[in-house]
Amino acid sequence: MPQVFATPINGARVRKPDGQILKAEGETVERDSFWLRRAADGDVALSDIPAAPAASAAPAETVKPRK
């Protein structure tokens, strides 16, 4: 099943289907009727899953050609 990123709106405490509370910074969840209802109720915002941060912020080394 496809996944989406769920983020609570306005500091709402939203329970996940397993009873735990959704993290304030959001979490990746299954895109199913449970989360679609939470979005329709205005409790969460659903978006695409954010890209993972780059492993290194340092520029790649350049290779000098041989002569």
N, C-alpha and C. Protein backbone atom coordinates (compact mmCIF):
# COMPACT_ATOMS: atom_id res chain seq x y z
N MET A 1 0.85 -1.17 0.00
CA MET A 1 0.00 0.00 0.00
C MET A 1 0.90 1.24 0.00
N PRO A 2 0.51 2.30 -0.70
CA PRO A 2 1.35 3.50 -0.75
C PRO A 2 1.45 4.17 0.61
N GLN A 3 2.52 4.91 0.79
CA GLN A 3 2.73 5.60 2.05
C GLN A 3 2.71 7.11 1.84
N VAL A 4 2.37 7.85 2.90
CA VAL A 4 2.36 9.30 2.90
C VAL A 4 2.98 9.78 4.21
N PHE A 5 3.22 11.08 4.29
CA PHE A 5 3.77 11.67 5.50
C PHE A 5 2.64 12.42 6.19
N ALA A 6 2.31 12.01 7.42
CA ALA A 6 1.23 12.62 8.20
C ALA A 6 1.82 13.52 9.27
N THR A 7 1.33 14.78 9.32
CA THR A 7 1.78 15.75 10.30
C THR A 7 0.57 16.30 11.03
N PRO A 8 0.57 16.29 12.37
CA PRO A 8 -0.55 16.87 13.11
C PRO A 8 -0.70 18.36 12.82
N ILE A 9 -1.94 18.83 12.76
CA ILE A 9 -2.21 20.24 12.51
C ILE A 9 -2.50 20.93 13.84
N ASN A 10 -1.92 22.12 14.02
CA ASN A 10 -2.16 22.95 15.21
C ASN A 10 -1.92 22.22 16.52
N GLY A 11 -0.87 21.41 16.56
CA GLY A 11 -0.50 20.74 17.79
C GLY A 11 -1.46 19.66 18.25
N ALA A 12 -2.31 19.17 17.36
CA ALA A 12 -3.27 18.13 17.72
C ALA A 12 -2.53 16.87 18.15
N ARG A 13 -3.09 16.19 19.13
CA ARG A 13 -2.57 14.88 19.55
C ARG A 13 -3.41 13.84 18.83
N VAL A 14 -2.82 13.20 17.86
CA VAL A 14 -3.54 12.25 17.01
C VAL A 14 -3.05 10.84 17.32
N ARG A 15 -3.99 9.97 17.64
CA ARG A 15 -3.65 8.56 17.90
C ARG A 15 -3.54 7.81 16.58
N LYS A 16 -2.53 6.94 16.51
CA LYS A 16 -2.37 6.05 15.38
C LYS A 16 -3.25 4.82 15.63
N PRO A 17 -3.48 4.00 14.61
CA PRO A 17 -4.32 2.80 14.80
C PRO A 17 -3.83 1.88 15.91
N ASP A 18 -2.52 1.90 16.19
CA ASP A 18 -2.00 1.03 17.25
C ASP A 18 -2.11 1.65 18.65
N GLY A 19 -2.67 2.87 18.75
CA GLY A 19 -2.88 3.52 20.03
C GLY A 19 -1.81 4.51 20.43
N GLN A 20 -0.67 4.48 19.74
CA GLN A 20 0.39 5.44 20.04
C GLN A 20 0.04 6.81 19.47
N ILE A 21 0.71 7.86 19.97
CA ILE A 21 0.48 9.22 19.49
C ILE A 21 1.41 9.52 18.31
N LEU A 22 0.86 10.13 17.27
CA LEU A 22 1.65 10.54 16.11
C LEU A 22 2.65 11.60 16.55
N LYS A 23 3.91 11.48 16.14
CA LYS A 23 4.94 12.44 16.52
C LYS A 23 4.60 13.83 16.00
N ALA A 24 4.95 14.86 16.77
CA ALA A 24 4.65 16.25 16.41
C ALA A 24 5.32 16.65 15.10
N GLU A 25 6.50 16.08 14.80
CA GLU A 25 7.20 16.42 13.55
C GLU A 25 6.68 15.62 12.37
N GLY A 26 5.76 14.70 12.64
CA GLY A 26 5.16 13.89 11.57
C GLY A 26 5.84 12.55 11.42
N GLU A 27 5.14 11.64 10.73
CA GLU A 27 5.66 10.29 10.50
C GLU A 27 5.16 9.76 9.15
N THR A 28 5.89 8.80 8.63
CA THR A 28 5.46 8.09 7.44
C THR A 28 4.43 7.04 7.86
N VAL A 29 3.28 7.05 7.18
CA VAL A 29 2.20 6.12 7.50
C VAL A 29 1.63 5.54 6.22
N GLU A 30 0.87 4.45 6.37
CA GLU A 30 0.18 3.87 5.22
C GLU A 30 -0.96 4.80 4.78
N ARG A 31 -1.12 5.00 3.49
CA ARG A 31 -2.22 5.81 2.98
C ARG A 31 -3.46 4.93 2.93
N ASP A 32 -4.25 4.99 3.99
CA ASP A 32 -5.45 4.16 4.05
C ASP A 32 -6.62 5.01 4.55
N SER A 33 -7.77 4.38 4.71
CA SER A 33 -8.98 5.11 5.08
C SER A 33 -8.84 5.78 6.45
N PHE A 34 -8.08 5.17 7.36
CA PHE A 34 -7.89 5.77 8.68
C PHE A 34 -7.27 7.15 8.56
N TRP A 35 -6.17 7.28 7.82
CA TRP A 35 -5.46 8.56 7.70
C TRP A 35 -6.21 9.53 6.79
N LEU A 36 -6.92 9.02 5.81
CA LEU A 36 -7.72 9.91 4.96
C LEU A 36 -8.84 10.55 5.78
N ARG A 37 -9.42 9.80 6.70
CA ARG A 37 -10.46 10.37 7.59
C ARG A 37 -9.86 11.40 8.53
N ARG A 38 -8.67 11.14 9.08
CA ARG A 38 -8.02 12.12 9.96
C ARG A 38 -7.75 13.41 9.19
N ALA A 39 -7.36 13.29 7.92
CA ALA A 39 -7.11 14.48 7.09
C ALA A 39 -8.42 15.21 6.81
N ALA A 40 -9.48 14.48 6.50
CA ALA A 40 -10.79 15.09 6.23
C ALA A 40 -11.33 15.80 7.47
N ASP A 41 -11.02 15.28 8.66
CA ASP A 41 -11.45 15.89 9.92
C ASP A 41 -10.61 17.12 10.26
N GLY A 42 -9.48 17.33 9.56
CA GLY A 42 -8.62 18.47 9.83
C GLY A 42 -7.62 18.24 10.95
N ASP A 43 -7.40 16.97 11.31
CA ASP A 43 -6.45 16.66 12.38
C ASP A 43 -5.01 16.52 11.89
N VAL A 44 -4.83 16.08 10.64
CA VAL A 44 -3.49 15.90 10.08
C VAL A 44 -3.43 16.46 8.67
N ALA A 45 -2.21 16.76 8.26
CA ALA A 45 -1.94 17.13 6.87
C ALA A 45 -1.17 15.97 6.26
N LEU A 46 -1.60 15.52 5.10
CA LEU A 46 -0.92 14.43 4.40
C LEU A 46 -0.13 15.01 3.24
N SER A 47 1.10 14.54 3.07
CA SER A 47 1.95 15.01 1.98
C SER A 47 2.82 13.86 1.50
N ASP A 48 3.56 14.12 0.41
CA ASP A 48 4.50 13.13 -0.07
C ASP A 48 5.58 12.93 0.97
N ILE A 49 6.20 11.77 0.95
CA ILE A 49 7.27 11.46 1.90
C ILE A 49 8.47 12.34 1.56
N PRO A 50 9.01 13.08 2.56
CA PRO A 50 10.15 13.96 2.28
C PRO A 50 11.38 13.15 1.89
N ALA A 51 12.19 13.74 1.02
CA ALA A 51 13.42 13.08 0.59
C ALA A 51 14.40 13.03 1.76
N ALA A 52 15.18 11.97 1.81
CA ALA A 52 16.18 11.84 2.87
C ALA A 52 17.27 12.88 2.66
N PRO A 53 17.80 13.45 3.73
CA PRO A 53 18.87 14.43 3.57
C PRO A 53 20.10 13.79 2.95
N ALA A 54 20.88 14.60 2.27
CA ALA A 54 22.08 14.10 1.61
C ALA A 54 23.04 13.55 2.66
N ALA A 55 23.75 12.50 2.30
CA ALA A 55 24.67 11.85 3.23
C ALA A 55 25.80 12.79 3.65
N SER A 56 26.22 13.63 2.75
CA SER A 56 27.31 14.54 3.06
C SER A 56 27.06 15.88 2.39
N ALA A 57 27.29 16.95 3.11
CA ALA A 57 27.11 18.28 2.54
C ALA A 57 28.38 18.76 1.86
N ALA A 58 29.48 18.04 2.03
CA ALA A 58 30.75 18.43 1.41
C ALA A 58 30.71 18.15 -0.09
N PRO A 59 31.29 19.03 -0.88
CA PRO A 59 31.31 18.78 -2.32
C PRO A 59 32.17 17.56 -2.66
N ALA A 60 31.82 16.91 -3.73
CA ALA A 60 32.57 15.73 -4.16
C ALA A 60 33.95 16.15 -4.66
N GLU A 61 34.93 15.29 -4.45
CA GLU A 61 36.28 15.59 -4.91
C GLU A 61 36.33 15.49 -6.42
N THR A 62 37.13 16.38 -7.01
CA THR A 62 37.29 16.33 -8.46
C THR A 62 38.54 15.52 -8.78
N VAL A 63 38.49 14.79 -9.86
CA VAL A 63 39.61 13.96 -10.28
C VAL A 63 40.31 14.68 -11.40
N LYS A 64 41.62 14.85 -11.24
CA LYS A 64 42.42 15.53 -12.28
C LYS A 64 42.75 14.53 -13.37
N PRO A 65 42.60 14.95 -14.62
CA PRO A 65 42.94 14.02 -15.73
C PRO A 65 44.46 13.77 -15.78
N ARG A 66 44.80 12.58 -16.27
CA ARG A 66 46.24 12.25 -16.41
C ARG A 66 46.78 12.94 -17.63
N LYS A 67 48.10 13.20 -17.60
CA LYS A 67 48.74 13.86 -18.75
C LYS A 67 49.45 12.85 -19.60
